[in-house]
mmCIF file of all heavy atoms, coordinates in Angstrom:
data_MODEL
# 
_entry.id   MODEL 
# 
loop_
_atom_site.group_PDB 
_atom_site.id 
_atom_site.type_symbol 
_atom_site.label_atom_id 
_atom_site.label_alt_id 
_atom_site.label_comp_id 
_atom_site.label_asym_id 
_atom_site.label_entity_id 
_atom_site.label_seq_id 
_atom_site.pdbx_PDB_ins_code 
_atom_site.Cartn_x 
_atom_site.Cartn_y 
_atom_site.Cartn_z 
_atom_site.occupancy 
_atom_site.B_iso_or_equiv 
_atom_site.pdbx_formal_charge 
_atom_site.auth_seq_id 
_atom_site.auth_comp_id 
_atom_site.auth_asym_id 
_atom_site.auth_atom_id 
_atom_site.pdbx_PDB_model_num 
ATOM 1   N N   . GLU A 1 1  ? 0.099  -13.191 9.912  1.00 0.00 ? 1  GLU A N   1 
ATOM 2   C CA  . GLU A 1 1  ? 1.282  -13.363 9.067  1.00 0.00 ? 1  GLU A CA  1 
ATOM 3   C C   . GLU A 1 1  ? 1.101  -14.543 8.120  1.00 0.00 ? 1  GLU A C   1 
ATOM 4   O O   . GLU A 1 1  ? 0.634  -15.610 8.534  1.00 0.00 ? 1  GLU A O   1 
ATOM 5   C CB  . GLU A 1 1  ? 2.523  -13.596 9.948  1.00 0.00 ? 1  GLU A CB  1 
ATOM 6   C CG  . GLU A 1 1  ? 2.875  -12.429 10.855 1.00 0.00 ? 1  GLU A CG  1 
ATOM 7   C CD  . GLU A 1 1  ? 3.639  -11.365 10.133 1.00 0.00 ? 1  GLU A CD  1 
ATOM 8   O OE1 . GLU A 1 1  ? 4.169  -11.654 9.051  1.00 0.00 ? 1  GLU A OE1 1 
ATOM 9   O OE2 . GLU A 1 1  ? 3.647  -10.190 10.602 1.00 0.00 ? 1  GLU A OE2 1 
ATOM 10  N N   . VAL A 1 2  ? 1.451  -14.333 6.839  1.00 0.00 ? 2  VAL A N   1 
ATOM 11  C CA  . VAL A 1 2  ? 1.332  -15.442 5.881  1.00 0.00 ? 2  VAL A CA  1 
ATOM 12  C C   . VAL A 1 2  ? 2.635  -15.718 5.174  1.00 0.00 ? 2  VAL A C   1 
ATOM 13  O O   . VAL A 1 2  ? 2.739  -16.728 4.455  1.00 0.00 ? 2  VAL A O   1 
ATOM 14  C CB  . VAL A 1 2  ? 0.210  -15.134 4.831  1.00 0.00 ? 2  VAL A CB  1 
ATOM 15  C CG1 . VAL A 1 2  ? -1.123 -15.022 5.516  1.00 0.00 ? 2  VAL A CG1 1 
ATOM 16  C CG2 . VAL A 1 2  ? 0.531  -13.832 4.078  1.00 0.00 ? 2  VAL A CG2 1 
ATOM 17  N N   . GLY A 1 3  ? 3.621  -14.842 5.284  1.00 0.00 ? 3  GLY A N   1 
ATOM 18  C CA  . GLY A 1 3  ? 4.870  -15.085 4.591  1.00 0.00 ? 3  GLY A CA  1 
ATOM 19  C C   . GLY A 1 3  ? 4.710  -14.835 3.087  1.00 0.00 ? 3  GLY A C   1 
ATOM 20  O O   . GLY A 1 3  ? 3.997  -13.979 2.645  1.00 0.00 ? 3  GLY A O   1 
ATOM 21  N N   . ASP A 1 4  ? 5.461  -15.655 2.319  1.00 0.00 ? 4  ASP A N   1 
ATOM 22  C CA  . ASP A 1 4  ? 5.418  -15.539 0.838  1.00 0.00 ? 4  ASP A CA  1 
ATOM 23  C C   . ASP A 1 4  ? 4.368  -16.473 0.280  1.00 0.00 ? 4  ASP A C   1 
ATOM 24  O O   . ASP A 1 4  ? 4.582  -17.669 0.142  1.00 0.00 ? 4  ASP A O   1 
ATOM 25  C CB  . ASP A 1 4  ? 6.784  -15.847 0.246  1.00 0.00 ? 4  ASP A CB  1 
ATOM 26  C CG  . ASP A 1 4  ? 7.830  -14.798 0.627  1.00 0.00 ? 4  ASP A CG  1 
ATOM 27  O OD1 . ASP A 1 4  ? 7.471  -13.641 0.742  1.00 0.00 ? 4  ASP A OD1 1 
ATOM 28  O OD2 . ASP A 1 4  ? 8.993  -15.169 0.824  1.00 0.00 ? 4  ASP A OD2 1 
ATOM 29  N N   . ALA A 1 5  ? 3.192  -15.929 -0.024 1.00 0.00 ? 5  ALA A N   1 
ATOM 30  C CA  . ALA A 1 5  ? 2.091  -16.705 -0.556 1.00 0.00 ? 5  ALA A CA  1 
ATOM 31  C C   . ALA A 1 5  ? 2.143  -16.742 -2.075 1.00 0.00 ? 5  ALA A C   1 
ATOM 32  O O   . ALA A 1 5  ? 2.872  -15.934 -2.712 1.00 0.00 ? 5  ALA A O   1 
ATOM 33  C CB  . ALA A 1 5  ? 0.772  -16.108 -0.091 1.00 0.00 ? 5  ALA A CB  1 
ATOM 34  N N   . ASP A 1 6  ? 1.410  -17.689 -2.683 1.00 0.00 ? 6  ASP A N   1 
ATOM 35  C CA  . ASP A 1 6  ? 1.348  -17.798 -4.126 1.00 0.00 ? 6  ASP A CA  1 
ATOM 36  C C   . ASP A 1 6  ? 0.699  -16.563 -4.768 1.00 0.00 ? 6  ASP A C   1 
ATOM 37  O O   . ASP A 1 6  ? 1.041  -16.188 -5.907 1.00 0.00 ? 6  ASP A O   1 
ATOM 38  C CB  . ASP A 1 6  ? 0.579  -19.039 -4.546 1.00 0.00 ? 6  ASP A CB  1 
ATOM 39  C CG  . ASP A 1 6  ? 1.303  -20.337 -4.114 1.00 0.00 ? 6  ASP A CG  1 
ATOM 40  O OD1 . ASP A 1 6  ? 2.528  -20.274 -3.961 1.00 0.00 ? 6  ASP A OD1 1 
ATOM 41  O OD2 . ASP A 1 6  ? 0.629  -21.364 -3.955 1.00 0.00 ? 6  ASP A OD2 1 
ATOM 42  N N   . LYS A 1 7  ? -0.201 -15.944 -4.036 1.00 0.00 ? 7  LYS A N   1 
ATOM 43  C CA  . LYS A 1 7  ? -0.821 -14.719 -4.531 1.00 0.00 ? 7  LYS A CA  1 
ATOM 44  C C   . LYS A 1 7  ? -1.225 -13.892 -3.317 1.00 0.00 ? 7  LYS A C   1 
ATOM 45  O O   . LYS A 1 7  ? -1.464 -14.428 -2.226 1.00 0.00 ? 7  LYS A O   1 
ATOM 46  C CB  . LYS A 1 7  ? -2.052 -15.031 -5.396 1.00 0.00 ? 7  LYS A CB  1 
ATOM 47  C CG  . LYS A 1 7  ? -3.178 -15.760 -4.674 1.00 0.00 ? 7  LYS A CG  1 
ATOM 48  C CD  . LYS A 1 7  ? -4.310 -16.047 -5.655 1.00 0.00 ? 7  LYS A CD  1 
ATOM 49  C CE  . LYS A 1 7  ? -5.492 -16.754 -4.930 1.00 0.00 ? 7  LYS A CE  1 
ATOM 50  N NZ  . LYS A 1 7  ? -6.582 -17.060 -5.883 1.00 0.00 ? 7  LYS A NZ  1 
ATOM 51  N N   . PRO A 1 8  ? -1.285 -12.587 -3.479 1.00 0.00 ? 8  PRO A N   1 
ATOM 52  C CA  . PRO A 1 8  ? -1.608 -11.719 -2.306 1.00 0.00 ? 8  PRO A CA  1 
ATOM 53  C C   . PRO A 1 8  ? -3.068 -11.891 -1.887 1.00 0.00 ? 8  PRO A C   1 
ATOM 54  O O   . PRO A 1 8  ? -3.926 -12.315 -2.630 1.00 0.00 ? 8  PRO A O   1 
ATOM 55  C CB  . PRO A 1 8  ? -1.327 -10.326 -2.851 1.00 0.00 ? 8  PRO A CB  1 
ATOM 56  C CG  . PRO A 1 8  ? -1.403 -10.434 -4.342 1.00 0.00 ? 8  PRO A CG  1 
ATOM 57  C CD  . PRO A 1 8  ? -0.988 -11.823 -4.684 1.00 0.00 ? 8  PRO A CD  1 
ATOM 58  N N   . LYS A 1 9  ? -3.312 -11.527 -0.624 1.00 0.00 ? 9  LYS A N   1 
ATOM 59  C CA  . LYS A 1 9  ? -4.688 -11.502 -0.136 1.00 0.00 ? 9  LYS A CA  1 
ATOM 60  C C   . LYS A 1 9  ? -5.454 -10.290 -0.603 1.00 0.00 ? 9  LYS A C   1 
ATOM 61  O O   . LYS A 1 9  ? -6.676 -10.317 -0.742 1.00 0.00 ? 9  LYS A O   1 
ATOM 62  C CB  . LYS A 1 9  ? -4.667 -11.496 1.422  1.00 0.00 ? 9  LYS A CB  1 
ATOM 63  C CG  . LYS A 1 9  ? -4.293 -12.830 2.056  1.00 0.00 ? 9  LYS A CG  1 
ATOM 64  C CD  . LYS A 1 9  ? -4.468 -12.750 3.558  1.00 0.00 ? 9  LYS A CD  1 
ATOM 65  C CE  . LYS A 1 9  ? -4.245 -14.102 4.192  1.00 0.00 ? 9  LYS A CE  1 
ATOM 66  N NZ  . LYS A 1 9  ? -4.444 -14.030 5.666  1.00 0.00 ? 9  LYS A NZ  1 
ATOM 67  N N   . LEU A 1 10 ? -4.737 -9.196  -0.828 1.00 0.00 ? 10 LEU A N   1 
ATOM 68  C CA  . LEU A 1 10 ? -5.349 -7.963  -1.268 1.00 0.00 ? 10 LEU A CA  1 
ATOM 69  C C   . LEU A 1 10 ? -4.248 -7.085  -1.877 1.00 0.00 ? 10 LEU A C   1 
ATOM 70  O O   . LEU A 1 10 ? -3.129 -7.077  -1.432 1.00 0.00 ? 10 LEU A O   1 
ATOM 71  C CB  . LEU A 1 10 ? -5.989 -7.219  -0.089 1.00 0.00 ? 10 LEU A CB  1 
ATOM 72  C CG  . LEU A 1 10 ? -6.539 -5.819  -0.363 1.00 0.00 ? 10 LEU A CG  1 
ATOM 73  C CD1 . LEU A 1 10 ? -7.830 -5.920  -1.195 1.00 0.00 ? 10 LEU A CD1 1 
ATOM 74  C CD2 . LEU A 1 10 ? -6.814 -5.074  0.930  1.00 0.00 ? 10 LEU A CD2 1 
ATOM 75  N N   . VAL A 1 11 ? -4.623 -6.370  -2.932 1.00 0.00 ? 11 VAL A N   1 
ATOM 76  C CA  . VAL A 1 11 ? -3.724 -5.369  -3.516 1.00 0.00 ? 11 VAL A CA  1 
ATOM 77  C C   . VAL A 1 11 ? -4.425 -4.002  -3.374 1.00 0.00 ? 11 VAL A C   1 
ATOM 78  O O   . VAL A 1 11 ? -5.547 -3.836  -3.802 1.00 0.00 ? 11 VAL A O   1 
ATOM 79  C CB  . VAL A 1 11 ? -3.351 -5.669  -4.982 1.00 0.00 ? 11 VAL A CB  1 
ATOM 80  C CG1 . VAL A 1 11 ? -2.505 -4.548  -5.543 1.00 0.00 ? 11 VAL A CG1 1 
ATOM 81  C CG2 . VAL A 1 11 ? -2.604 -7.006  -5.082 1.00 0.00 ? 11 VAL A CG2 1 
ATOM 82  N N   . PHE A 1 12 ? -3.697 -3.071  -2.785 1.00 0.00 ? 12 PHE A N   1 
ATOM 83  C CA  . PHE A 1 12 ? -4.206 -1.766  -2.385 1.00 0.00 ? 12 PHE A CA  1 
ATOM 84  C C   . PHE A 1 12 ? -3.591 -0.731  -3.300 1.00 0.00 ? 12 PHE A C   1 
ATOM 85  O O   . PHE A 1 12 ? -2.387 -0.495  -3.241 1.00 0.00 ? 12 PHE A O   1 
ATOM 86  C CB  . PHE A 1 12 ? -3.859 -1.547  -0.923 1.00 0.00 ? 12 PHE A CB  1 
ATOM 87  C CG  . PHE A 1 12 ? -4.591 -0.444  -0.242 1.00 0.00 ? 12 PHE A CG  1 
ATOM 88  C CD1 . PHE A 1 12 ? -5.645 -0.705  0.628  1.00 0.00 ? 12 PHE A CD1 1 
ATOM 89  C CD2 . PHE A 1 12 ? -4.228 0.881   -0.429 1.00 0.00 ? 12 PHE A CD2 1 
ATOM 90  C CE1 . PHE A 1 12 ? -6.306 0.328   1.268  1.00 0.00 ? 12 PHE A CE1 1 
ATOM 91  C CE2 . PHE A 1 12 ? -4.875 1.909   0.217  1.00 0.00 ? 12 PHE A CE2 1 
ATOM 92  C CZ  . PHE A 1 12 ? -5.941 1.623   1.051  1.00 0.00 ? 12 PHE A CZ  1 
ATOM 93  N N   . PHE A 1 13 ? -4.375 -0.077  -4.150 1.00 0.00 ? 13 PHE A N   1 
ATOM 94  C CA  . PHE A 1 13 ? -3.889 0.960   -5.046 1.00 0.00 ? 13 PHE A CA  1 
ATOM 95  C C   . PHE A 1 13 ? -4.110 2.332   -4.397 1.00 0.00 ? 13 PHE A C   1 
ATOM 96  O O   . PHE A 1 13 ? -5.237 2.718   -4.121 1.00 0.00 ? 13 PHE A O   1 
ATOM 97  C CB  . PHE A 1 13 ? -4.551 0.892   -6.394 1.00 0.00 ? 13 PHE A CB  1 
ATOM 98  C CG  . PHE A 1 13 ? -4.113 -0.292  -7.250 1.00 0.00 ? 13 PHE A CG  1 
ATOM 99  C CD1 . PHE A 1 13 ? -4.829 -1.473  -7.221 1.00 0.00 ? 13 PHE A CD1 1 
ATOM 100 C CD2 . PHE A 1 13 ? -2.977 -0.219  -8.002 1.00 0.00 ? 13 PHE A CD2 1 
ATOM 101 C CE1 . PHE A 1 13 ? -4.418 -2.542  -7.973 1.00 0.00 ? 13 PHE A CE1 1 
ATOM 102 C CE2 . PHE A 1 13 ? -2.559 -1.301  -8.768 1.00 0.00 ? 13 PHE A CE2 1 
ATOM 103 C CZ  . PHE A 1 13 ? -3.306 -2.472  -8.762 1.00 0.00 ? 13 PHE A CZ  1 
ATOM 104 N N   . PHE A 1 14 ? -3.005 3.040   -4.167 1.00 0.00 ? 14 PHE A N   1 
ATOM 105 C CA  . PHE A 1 14 ? -3.032 4.327   -3.468 1.00 0.00 ? 14 PHE A CA  1 
ATOM 106 C C   . PHE A 1 14 ? -2.888 5.451   -4.494 1.00 0.00 ? 14 PHE A C   1 
ATOM 107 O O   . PHE A 1 14 ? -1.800 5.913   -4.768 1.00 0.00 ? 14 PHE A O   1 
ATOM 108 C CB  . PHE A 1 14 ? -1.882 4.368   -2.478 1.00 0.00 ? 14 PHE A CB  1 
ATOM 109 C CG  . PHE A 1 14 ? -2.192 5.089   -1.200 1.00 0.00 ? 14 PHE A CG  1 
ATOM 110 C CD1 . PHE A 1 14 ? -2.028 4.501   0.015  1.00 0.00 ? 14 PHE A CD1 1 
ATOM 111 C CD2 . PHE A 1 14 ? -2.672 6.383   -1.269 1.00 0.00 ? 14 PHE A CD2 1 
ATOM 112 C CE1 . PHE A 1 14 ? -2.295 5.169   1.169  1.00 0.00 ? 14 PHE A CE1 1 
ATOM 113 C CE2 . PHE A 1 14 ? -2.965 7.085   -0.106 1.00 0.00 ? 14 PHE A CE2 1 
ATOM 114 C CZ  . PHE A 1 14 ? -2.782 6.475   1.107  1.00 0.00 ? 14 PHE A CZ  1 
ATOM 115 N N   . ASP A 1 15 ? -4.015 5.847   -5.093 1.00 0.00 ? 15 ASP A N   1 
ATOM 116 C CA  . ASP A 1 15 ? -4.007 6.880   -6.107 1.00 0.00 ? 15 ASP A CA  1 
ATOM 117 C C   . ASP A 1 15 ? -3.733 8.241   -5.512 1.00 0.00 ? 15 ASP A C   1 
ATOM 118 O O   . ASP A 1 15 ? -4.064 8.481   -4.333 1.00 0.00 ? 15 ASP A O   1 
ATOM 119 C CB  . ASP A 1 15 ? -5.333 6.888   -6.883 1.00 0.00 ? 15 ASP A CB  1 
ATOM 120 C CG  . ASP A 1 15 ? -5.204 7.528   -8.261 1.00 0.00 ? 15 ASP A CG  1 
ATOM 121 O OD1 . ASP A 1 15 ? -4.074 7.899   -8.616 1.00 0.00 ? 15 ASP A OD1 1 
ATOM 122 O OD2 . ASP A 1 15 ? -6.223 7.633   -8.964 1.00 0.00 ? 15 ASP A OD2 1 
ATOM 123 N N   . GLU A 1 16 ? -3.177 9.136   -6.347 1.00 0.00 ? 16 GLU A N   1 
ATOM 124 C CA  . GLU A 1 16 ? -2.783 10.491  -5.878 1.00 0.00 ? 16 GLU A CA  1 
ATOM 125 C C   . GLU A 1 16 ? -1.973 10.397  -4.595 1.00 0.00 ? 16 GLU A C   1 
ATOM 126 O O   . GLU A 1 16 ? -2.248 11.080  -3.580 1.00 0.00 ? 16 GLU A O   1 
ATOM 127 C CB  . GLU A 1 16 ? -4.021 11.356  -5.681 1.00 0.00 ? 16 GLU A CB  1 
ATOM 128 C CG  . GLU A 1 16 ? -4.865 11.550  -6.923 1.00 0.00 ? 16 GLU A CG  1 
ATOM 129 C CD  . GLU A 1 16 ? -4.163 12.301  -8.012 1.00 0.00 ? 16 GLU A CD  1 
ATOM 130 O OE1 . GLU A 1 16 ? -3.213 13.046  -7.715 1.00 0.00 ? 16 GLU A OE1 1 
ATOM 131 O OE2 . GLU A 1 16 ? -4.549 12.152  -9.192 1.00 0.00 ? 16 GLU A OE2 1 
ATOM 132 N N   . ALA A 1 17 ? -0.954 9.568   -4.643 1.00 0.00 ? 17 ALA A N   1 
ATOM 133 C CA  . ALA A 1 17 ? -0.169 9.277   -3.422 1.00 0.00 ? 17 ALA A CA  1 
ATOM 134 C C   . ALA A 1 17 ? 0.558  10.485  -2.874 1.00 0.00 ? 17 ALA A C   1 
ATOM 135 O O   . ALA A 1 17 ? 0.889  10.533  -1.706 1.00 0.00 ? 17 ALA A O   1 
ATOM 136 C CB  . ALA A 1 17 ? 0.829  8.167   -3.715 1.00 0.00 ? 17 ALA A CB  1 
ATOM 137 N N   . HIS A 1 18 ? 0.814  11.473  -3.739 1.00 0.00 ? 18 HIS A N   1 
ATOM 138 C CA  . HIS A 1 18 ? 1.534  12.661  -3.237 1.00 0.00 ? 18 HIS A CA  1 
ATOM 139 C C   . HIS A 1 18 ? 0.748  13.388  -2.147 1.00 0.00 ? 18 HIS A C   1 
ATOM 140 O O   . HIS A 1 18 ? 1.336  14.072  -1.321 1.00 0.00 ? 18 HIS A O   1 
ATOM 141 C CB  . HIS A 1 18 ? 1.846  13.623  -4.396 1.00 0.00 ? 18 HIS A CB  1 
ATOM 142 C CG  . HIS A 1 18 ? 0.617  14.187  -5.031 1.00 0.00 ? 18 HIS A CG  1 
ATOM 143 N ND1 . HIS A 1 18 ? -0.158 13.499  -5.957 1.00 0.00 ? 18 HIS A ND1 1 
ATOM 144 C CD2 . HIS A 1 18 ? -0.002 15.398  -4.888 1.00 0.00 ? 18 HIS A CD2 1 
ATOM 145 C CE1 . HIS A 1 18 ? -1.160 14.254  -6.335 1.00 0.00 ? 18 HIS A CE1 1 
ATOM 146 N NE2 . HIS A 1 18 ? -1.109 15.419  -5.698 1.00 0.00 ? 18 HIS A NE2 1 
ATOM 147 N N   . LEU A 1 19 ? -0.567 13.239  -2.152 1.00 0.00 ? 19 LEU A N   1 
ATOM 148 C CA  . LEU A 1 19 ? -1.371 13.889  -1.120 1.00 0.00 ? 19 LEU A CA  1 
ATOM 149 C C   . LEU A 1 19 ? -1.065 13.310  0.255  1.00 0.00 ? 19 LEU A C   1 
ATOM 150 O O   . LEU A 1 19 ? -1.213 13.966  1.263  1.00 0.00 ? 19 LEU A O   1 
ATOM 151 C CB  . LEU A 1 19 ? -2.857 13.705  -1.437 1.00 0.00 ? 19 LEU A CB  1 
ATOM 152 C CG  . LEU A 1 19 ? -3.334 14.315  -2.763 1.00 0.00 ? 19 LEU A CG  1 
ATOM 153 C CD1 . LEU A 1 19 ? -4.812 13.998  -2.966 1.00 0.00 ? 19 LEU A CD1 1 
ATOM 154 C CD2 . LEU A 1 19 ? -3.107 15.804  -2.797 1.00 0.00 ? 19 LEU A CD2 1 
ATOM 155 N N   . LEU A 1 20 ? -0.677 12.041  0.284  1.00 0.00 ? 20 LEU A N   1 
ATOM 156 C CA  . LEU A 1 20 ? -0.413 11.384  1.567  1.00 0.00 ? 20 LEU A CA  1 
ATOM 157 C C   . LEU A 1 20 ? 0.853  11.952  2.229  1.00 0.00 ? 20 LEU A C   1 
ATOM 158 O O   . LEU A 1 20 ? 0.901  12.114  3.432  1.00 0.00 ? 20 LEU A O   1 
ATOM 159 C CB  . LEU A 1 20 ? -0.271 9.891   1.359  1.00 0.00 ? 20 LEU A CB  1 
ATOM 160 C CG  . LEU A 1 20 ? 0.119  9.054   2.586  1.00 0.00 ? 20 LEU A CG  1 
ATOM 161 C CD1 . LEU A 1 20 ? -1.013 9.090   3.609  1.00 0.00 ? 20 LEU A CD1 1 
ATOM 162 C CD2 . LEU A 1 20 ? 0.397  7.611   2.199  1.00 0.00 ? 20 LEU A CD2 1 
ATOM 163 N N   . PHE A 1 21 ? 1.820  12.250  1.434  1.00 0.00 ? 21 PHE A N   1 
ATOM 164 C CA  . PHE A 1 21 ? 3.114  12.625  1.975  1.00 0.00 ? 21 PHE A CA  1 
ATOM 165 C C   . PHE A 1 21 ? 3.310  14.149  2.116  1.00 0.00 ? 21 PHE A C   1 
ATOM 166 O O   . PHE A 1 21 ? 4.278  14.613  2.700  1.00 0.00 ? 21 PHE A O   1 
ATOM 167 C CB  . PHE A 1 21 ? 4.238  12.051  1.099  1.00 0.00 ? 21 PHE A CB  1 
ATOM 168 C CG  . PHE A 1 21 ? 4.157  10.582  0.936  1.00 0.00 ? 21 PHE A CG  1 
ATOM 169 C CD1 . PHE A 1 21 ? 3.732  10.016  -0.250 1.00 0.00 ? 21 PHE A CD1 1 
ATOM 170 C CD2 . PHE A 1 21 ? 4.457  9.712   1.971  1.00 0.00 ? 21 PHE A CD2 1 
ATOM 171 C CE1 . PHE A 1 21 ? 3.646  8.659   -0.413 1.00 0.00 ? 21 PHE A CE1 1 
ATOM 172 C CE2 . PHE A 1 21 ? 4.341  8.352   1.830  1.00 0.00 ? 21 PHE A CE2 1 
ATOM 173 C CZ  . PHE A 1 21 ? 3.953  7.823   0.621  1.00 0.00 ? 21 PHE A CZ  1 
ATOM 174 N N   . LYS A 1 22 ? 2.401  14.925  1.555  1.00 0.00 ? 22 LYS A N   1 
ATOM 175 C CA  . LYS A 1 22 ? 2.539  16.355  1.607  1.00 0.00 ? 22 LYS A CA  1 
ATOM 176 C C   . LYS A 1 22 ? 2.388  16.860  3.031  1.00 0.00 ? 22 LYS A C   1 
ATOM 177 O O   . LYS A 1 22 ? 1.454  16.525  3.747  1.00 0.00 ? 22 LYS A O   1 
ATOM 178 C CB  . LYS A 1 22 ? 1.477  17.020  0.721  1.00 0.00 ? 22 LYS A CB  1 
ATOM 179 C CG  . LYS A 1 22 ? 1.586  18.517  0.667  1.00 0.00 ? 22 LYS A CG  1 
ATOM 180 C CD  . LYS A 1 22 ? 0.497  19.124  -0.244 1.00 0.00 ? 22 LYS A CD  1 
ATOM 181 C CE  . LYS A 1 22 ? 0.601  20.633  -0.281 1.00 0.00 ? 22 LYS A CE  1 
ATOM 182 N NZ  . LYS A 1 22 ? -0.461 21.201  -1.147 1.00 0.00 ? 22 LYS A NZ  1 
ATOM 183 N N   . ASP A 1 23 ? 3.382  17.637  3.474  1.00 0.00 ? 23 ASP A N   1 
ATOM 184 C CA  . ASP A 1 23 ? 3.380  18.238  4.816  1.00 0.00 ? 23 ASP A CA  1 
ATOM 185 C C   . ASP A 1 23 ? 3.288  17.215  5.928  1.00 0.00 ? 23 ASP A C   1 
ATOM 186 O O   . ASP A 1 23 ? 2.735  17.466  7.002  1.00 0.00 ? 23 ASP A O   1 
ATOM 187 C CB  . ASP A 1 23 ? 2.244  19.257  4.973  1.00 0.00 ? 23 ASP A CB  1 
ATOM 188 C CG  . ASP A 1 23 ? 2.330  20.388  3.952  1.00 0.00 ? 23 ASP A CG  1 
ATOM 189 O OD1 . ASP A 1 23 ? 3.446  20.756  3.618  1.00 0.00 ? 23 ASP A OD1 1 
ATOM 190 O OD2 . ASP A 1 23 ? 1.257  20.849  3.518  1.00 0.00 ? 23 ASP A OD2 1 
ATOM 191 N N   . ALA A 1 24 ? 3.777  15.997  5.677  1.00 0.00 ? 24 ALA A N   1 
ATOM 192 C CA  . ALA A 1 24 ? 3.694  14.947  6.695  1.00 0.00 ? 24 ALA A CA  1 
ATOM 193 C C   . ALA A 1 24 ? 4.791  15.122  7.733  1.00 0.00 ? 24 ALA A C   1 
ATOM 194 O O   . ALA A 1 24 ? 5.927  15.492  7.393  1.00 0.00 ? 24 ALA A O   1 
ATOM 195 C CB  . ALA A 1 24 ? 3.805  13.576  6.053  1.00 0.00 ? 24 ALA A CB  1 
ATOM 196 N N   . SER A 1 25 ? 4.463  14.849  8.979  1.00 0.00 ? 25 SER A N   1 
ATOM 197 C CA  . SER A 1 25 ? 5.457  14.938  10.063 1.00 0.00 ? 25 SER A CA  1 
ATOM 198 C C   . SER A 1 25 ? 6.392  13.719  9.995  1.00 0.00 ? 25 SER A C   1 
ATOM 199 O O   . SER A 1 25 ? 6.102  12.735  9.317  1.00 0.00 ? 25 SER A O   1 
ATOM 200 C CB  . SER A 1 25 ? 4.752  14.969  11.424 1.00 0.00 ? 25 SER A CB  1 
ATOM 201 O OG  . SER A 1 25 ? 4.069  13.751  11.650 1.00 0.00 ? 25 SER A OG  1 
# 
């Protein structure tokens, strides 16, 4: 846990995000 930092440790770009949620339980 780091709380509110001055800058993020990592930024994760989730391209074609609709594929993740399609037919999800």
